[in-house]
Amino acid sequence: MKPTASAGLFCELYWGTSLSEAWSFGPTHEQVHAALDGKAPLPLYGFTLPEEPFLLAERTGQGYRVFVPPAATVERDVPGGGFQAVPESLLSRKEGRVSVELPEGTTLRLTQGQLHLCLQHSVAKDRVSGLRPRDLAWLALVAVVFVSAPLSFIIAGPSPERVAESNARVLAEAREKEAERRKRLGVDTPLRPITEVPQASDGGTQLKVPASFSVQ
């Protein structure tokens, strides 16, 4: 199967069963090199490498070709059976190098001592294509419905007469509820009637006092 243009290479380094490090190389990396150096694209401490940098993986038309370090063993995952040794028939030997194809959907495991390097295609999806004409038509329809709904409400909304009638009805109901509340509290009538003309206060008989009158 030919790899997609967005397929890359994903590598995980385990010490026993503990994940130590992980690397991901995009599709622009035609080759992945490893070295016993922290500045290398893939620092591969603990593995015996014949030279540095060591060509670990190379992109091919079927996926990737993985080159096995001399002192490492190579296994592949088998559905329902875990990792098993790669058959000799699938190994390629050329100029003292051992390599094996890494098809898409397969995981290879290189092991030396307690170190395990797992390699597989990166989980990269194809780029989403642009909007199709049918999608644009649906988008335009949704936009028309979204815009026309408020306009329809404004155009076909209630008339001013109905609005005034509704407001009057609400005010009347509010007054009735207020009257019932005051009646229930006993404050609907005053304690004594309020006269229209206030009564004059009883201040006694008025006396006229001469201007020259004084009191000592």
Protein backbone atom coordinates (compact mmCIF):
# COMPACT_ATOMS: atom_id res chain seq x y z
CA MET A 1 0.00 0.00 0.00
CA LYS A 2 1.43 3.34 -0.99
CA PRO A 3 1.74 5.70 2.00
CA THR A 4 -0.31 8.83 1.99
CA ALA A 5 1.40 12.16 1.47
CA SER A 6 0.81 13.06 5.12
CA ALA A 7 2.22 9.82 6.57
CA GLY A 8 5.26 10.14 8.83
CA LEU A 9 7.27 7.92 11.14
CA PHE A 10 6.60 7.57 14.87
CA CYS A 11 9.24 6.09 17.19
CA GLU A 12 9.02 5.11 20.86
CA LEU A 13 11.96 4.07 23.04
CA TYR A 14 11.19 1.79 26.01
CA TRP A 15 13.39 0.74 28.90
CA GLY A 16 11.80 -2.55 29.81
CA THR A 17 8.10 -1.71 29.90
CA SER A 18 8.56 1.99 30.71
CA LEU A 19 8.33 4.56 27.94
CA SER A 20 11.51 6.63 27.92
CA GLU A 21 11.22 8.90 24.88
CA ALA A 22 9.19 9.35 21.72
CA TRP A 23 9.85 11.06 18.39
CA SER A 24 7.71 11.89 15.39
CA PHE A 25 9.10 12.63 11.94
CA GLY A 26 6.92 14.26 9.32
CA PRO A 27 6.54 13.21 5.69
CA THR A 28 9.22 15.69 4.62
CA HIS A 29 11.87 13.51 6.30
CA GLU A 30 12.84 11.06 3.58
CA GLN A 31 15.47 9.56 5.90
CA VAL A 32 15.72 9.25 9.68
CA HIS A 33 19.21 9.06 11.19
CA ALA A 34 20.16 7.91 14.69
CA ALA A 35 23.29 8.47 16.74
CA LEU A 36 24.63 8.19 20.28
CA ASP A 37 24.30 11.93 20.63
CA GLY A 38 21.63 14.04 22.28
CA LYS A 39 21.74 16.48 19.35
CA ALA A 40 20.98 13.77 16.79
CA PRO A 41 17.51 13.64 15.19
CA LEU A 42 17.00 10.34 17.05
CA PRO A 43 19.35 9.83 20.03
CA LEU A 44 19.64 6.05 20.26
CA TYR A 45 21.57 5.44 23.47
CA GLY A 46 22.17 1.81 24.40
CA PHE A 47 22.18 0.45 20.85
CA THR A 48 25.35 -0.59 19.05
CA LEU A 49 25.65 1.44 15.86
CA PRO A 50 28.25 0.65 13.16
CA GLU A 51 28.62 4.32 12.25
CA GLU A 52 27.21 7.71 13.19
CA PRO A 53 24.91 8.98 11.99
CA PHE A 54 23.24 5.65 11.36
CA LEU A 55 20.52 5.42 8.70
CA LEU A 56 17.63 3.98 10.69
CA ALA A 57 14.69 4.41 8.30
CA GLU A 58 14.19 5.45 4.71
CA ARG A 59 10.97 6.34 2.96
CA THR A 60 9.91 4.00 0.13
CA GLY A 61 6.96 3.60 -2.19
CA GLN A 62 5.38 1.04 0.16
CA GLY A 63 6.02 2.87 3.43
CA TYR A 64 9.40 2.84 5.17
CA ARG A 65 12.41 0.56 5.12
CA VAL A 66 13.93 0.11 8.58
CA PHE A 67 17.62 -0.75 8.95
CA VAL A 68 18.39 -3.02 11.90
CA PRO A 69 21.45 -2.23 14.09
CA PRO A 70 23.92 -5.16 14.06
CA ALA A 71 23.41 -6.23 17.70
CA ALA A 72 19.63 -5.77 17.72
CA THR A 73 16.82 -8.20 17.01
CA VAL A 74 13.77 -7.21 15.00
CA GLU A 75 10.17 -8.24 15.64
CA ARG A 76 6.80 -7.27 14.24
CA ASP A 77 3.39 -7.17 15.86
CA VAL A 78 1.03 -9.98 14.97
CA PRO A 79 -2.73 -9.51 15.52
CA GLY A 80 -3.67 -11.42 18.65
CA GLY A 81 -0.14 -12.72 19.18
CA GLY A 82 1.94 -9.76 20.34
CA PHE A 83 5.43 -9.36 18.87
CA GLN A 84 7.08 -12.19 16.99
CA ALA A 85 10.39 -12.48 15.15
CA VAL A 86 10.32 -11.26 11.57
CA PRO A 87 10.64 -14.24 9.19
CA GLU A 88 13.96 -14.52 7.41
CA SER A 89 12.14 -14.33 4.08
CA LEU A 90 11.09 -10.74 4.84
CA LEU A 91 14.60 -9.57 5.75
CA SER A 92 16.77 -7.92 3.13
CA ARG A 93 20.56 -8.24 3.40
CA LYS A 94 22.72 -5.95 1.33
CA GLU A 95 26.31 -4.86 1.87
CA GLY A 96 26.28 -6.19 5.41
CA ARG A 97 23.10 -4.31 6.33
CA VAL A 98 19.86 -5.94 7.39
CA SER A 99 16.62 -4.12 6.62
CA VAL A 100 12.92 -4.83 6.61
CA GLU A 101 9.89 -3.11 5.13
CA LEU A 102 7.52 -1.27 7.48
CA PRO A 103 4.11 -1.33 5.78
CA GLU A 104 1.37 1.00 6.94
CA GLY A 105 -0.52 -0.42 9.92
CA THR A 106 2.45 -2.48 11.14
CA THR A 107 4.73 -1.94 14.16
CA LEU A 108 8.35 -3.07 14.23
CA ARG A 109 10.31 -3.50 17.45
CA LEU A 110 14.11 -3.36 17.62
CA THR A 111 15.52 -4.84 20.83
CA GLN A 112 18.97 -4.76 22.38
CA GLY A 113 19.20 -5.73 26.03
CA GLN A 114 16.45 -3.96 28.00
CA LEU A 115 15.92 -1.33 25.29
CA HIS A 116 13.08 -1.57 22.79
CA LEU A 117 12.59 0.82 19.88
CA CYS A 118 9.11 0.62 18.34
CA LEU A 119 8.53 2.11 14.90
CA GLN A 120 5.26 2.64 13.09
CA HIS A 121 3.58 5.07 10.75
CA SER A 122 2.52 8.25 12.47
CA VAL A 123 -1.20 8.68 13.05
CA ALA A 124 -1.70 11.37 10.41
CA LYS A 125 -4.93 11.77 8.52
CA ASP A 126 -5.31 12.99 4.99
CA ARG A 127 -5.90 16.70 4.68
CA VAL A 128 -9.56 17.56 4.64
CA SER A 129 -10.61 18.65 1.19
CA GLY A 130 -12.25 21.99 0.55
CA LEU A 131 -15.96 22.61 0.56
CA ARG A 132 -17.83 20.93 -2.24
CA PRO A 133 -20.57 22.72 -4.23
CA ARG A 134 -23.21 20.76 -2.33
CA ASP A 135 -21.71 21.90 0.98
CA LEU A 136 -21.76 25.51 -0.22
CA ALA A 137 -25.43 25.16 -1.18
CA TRP A 138 -26.32 23.85 2.29
CA LEU A 139 -24.32 26.64 3.90
CA ALA A 140 -26.15 29.26 1.83
CA LEU A 141 -29.53 27.73 2.76
CA VAL A 142 -28.70 27.81 6.47
CA ALA A 143 -27.58 31.43 6.17
CA VAL A 144 -30.84 32.42 4.46
CA VAL A 145 -32.94 30.73 7.15
CA PHE A 146 -30.87 32.30 9.92
CA VAL A 147 -31.26 35.80 8.48
CA SER A 148 -34.90 35.51 7.40
CA ALA A 149 -36.23 34.34 10.78
CA PRO A 150 -35.69 37.67 12.62
CA LEU A 151 -36.93 39.64 9.61
CA SER A 152 -40.12 37.58 9.48
CA PHE A 153 -40.75 38.26 13.14
CA ILE A 154 -40.28 42.00 12.64
CA ILE A 155 -42.45 42.17 9.52
CA ALA A 156 -45.24 39.90 10.73
CA GLY A 157 -45.05 40.99 14.35
CA PRO A 158 -48.02 42.32 16.41
CA SER A 159 -49.60 45.66 15.43
CA PRO A 160 -49.35 48.75 17.71
CA GLU A 161 -53.03 48.34 18.68
CA ARG A 162 -52.44 44.79 19.88
CA VAL A 163 -49.34 45.88 21.77
CA ALA A 164 -51.30 48.66 23.55
CA GLU A 165 -54.15 46.26 24.36
CA SER A 166 -51.71 43.73 25.76
CA ASN A 167 -50.00 46.38 27.91
CA ALA A 168 -53.35 47.59 29.27
CA ARG A 169 -54.35 44.05 30.17
CA VAL A 170 -51.07 43.48 31.99
CA LEU A 171 -51.45 46.73 33.96
CA ALA A 172 -55.05 45.86 34.93
CA GLU A 173 -53.97 42.44 36.18
CA ALA A 174 -51.17 44.05 38.16
CA ARG A 175 -53.61 46.51 39.82
CA GLU A 176 -56.00 43.68 40.72
CA LYS A 177 -53.21 41.67 42.29
CA GLU A 178 -52.04 44.71 44.26
CA ALA A 179 -55.58 45.37 45.52
CA GLU A 180 -55.96 41.75 46.61
CA ARG A 181 -52.64 41.90 48.42
CA ARG A 182 -53.58 45.11 50.28
CA LYS A 183 -56.97 43.65 51.21
CA ARG A 184 -55.33 40.50 52.53
CA LEU A 185 -53.00 42.62 54.67
CA GLY A 186 -55.88 44.82 55.90
CA VAL A 187 -54.50 48.06 54.55
CA ASP A 188 -57.04 48.58 51.80
CA THR A 189 -59.05 51.20 53.87
CA PRO A 190 -57.66 53.99 56.12
CA LEU A 191 -58.27 53.98 59.92
CA ARG A 192 -60.33 57.22 59.74
CA PRO A 193 -61.88 58.98 56.78
CA ILE A 194 -59.83 61.66 55.17
CA THR A 195 -61.83 64.91 54.80
CA GLU A 196 -61.54 67.03 51.77
CA VAL A 197 -61.17 70.33 53.77
CA PRO A 198 -58.94 70.15 56.82
CA GLN A 199 -60.62 71.36 60.05
CA ALA A 200 -59.25 74.43 61.83
CA SER A 201 -57.43 73.64 65.02
CA ASP A 202 -59.03 74.75 68.37
CA GLY A 203 -56.61 77.41 69.61
CA GLY A 204 -59.06 79.34 71.88
CA THR A 205 -60.48 82.89 71.54
CA GLN A 206 -58.35 85.32 69.64
CA LEU A 207 -57.47 88.53 71.54
CA LYS A 208 -56.29 91.77 70.06
CA VAL A 209 -53.37 93.19 72.02
CA PRO A 210 -52.41 96.88 71.70
CA ALA A 211 -49.04 97.53 70.23
CA SER A 212 -47.92 99.44 73.38
CA PHE A 213 -48.82 96.56 75.71
CA SER A 214 -45.90 94.89 77.39
CA VAL A 215 -45.49 92.20 79.99
CA GLN A 216 -42.91 92.39 82.82
